Amino acid sequence: MLLKLAVNTLAFKDKFALNTQKAVAWISMPLWYYGCLIYLRCIRGYCIRDISSLREQYKAVLKKQTKPLIICANHLTKIDSLILQWGLGSGCTYFKDFKAYSWNLPEFDRFKNNLFFRFVCYLGCCIPIHRGGDREKVNRSMNKIKYLLEHKHSAMIFPEGKRSITGKIDTEEFAYGVGRLIQSVQNCEVLCIYLRGKSQKEKSDFPKKNEKFFMSMEKITPDSVGKGLRGTRDIASQIIHQLARMEEDYFASGGQ
């Protein structure tokens, strides 16, 4: 059964907690952003092709953006969100305009027993999702995301719901959560981003050292006349198929 998101039901304590998290994350931005950058660039040796152009493209999207925005990307490694945030903006950009930094939605069970990662996720603007858990907890997390979207922040979601086993987007088996969220937020738009390391063949915990990444983006406005599960699946399917088309373009160009 689908969980229905209540309208304007975010409790004062949750709003206070979100605003506190935003303040702490923003103040500590130089420390954790550039700490991550040192890890990605100097320790792992990663680079993103045409990163300046990608950042300008993202700035142009945000400049014209008047509606709630969800970033949807394909998913191949455990650190995709770090690479995506790095590709979309510099530390200075995010510090000047913190709303340009997207909130993430990791699964709580993956880090609940590790205090260090819980702390890192807190600073990195994460809202843990209790997938398959208590209905009240799930609704509470989803309402936090909805509140942020309605207040001009963006959220980053991997609509496949898991890392791709084959290394390719599965247009048959995918999660519907993003469709449910979009149905609950009026006039929501989606920025689809395709990210892939040049040597990435299938899913992995981390990209190979000295990997060079390709990124492309395309904004869409998914919608459906269907209601309930049918509409949710339809919206999620539109996003997945857009990412699949971007993947086809990537391979058709020889990864160029």
Foldseek 3Di string as FASTA:
>chain_A
DDFAADPPPQDPVLVVLLVVLLVLLLVCLVPVLVVVVCCQCVVQNEAEPPLVVQQVVLVVCLVPDDAQEEEEEAAFAQCPLSVVQVSHDDSVVCNVPVLSQAAEEAACVVPVVPPVVVVVNSSSRYQHAPPPDDSVRNSNSLVSQLVSRVVSHYHYDHFQPDHFAQQAQDLPRGDLVVLSSLVVGPQYKYKYKYKDWLPDGGHDHDDHGSTYMYMDIDIDGFFDPDDDPVRSSRRSSVNSVVNNVVVVVCVVVVND
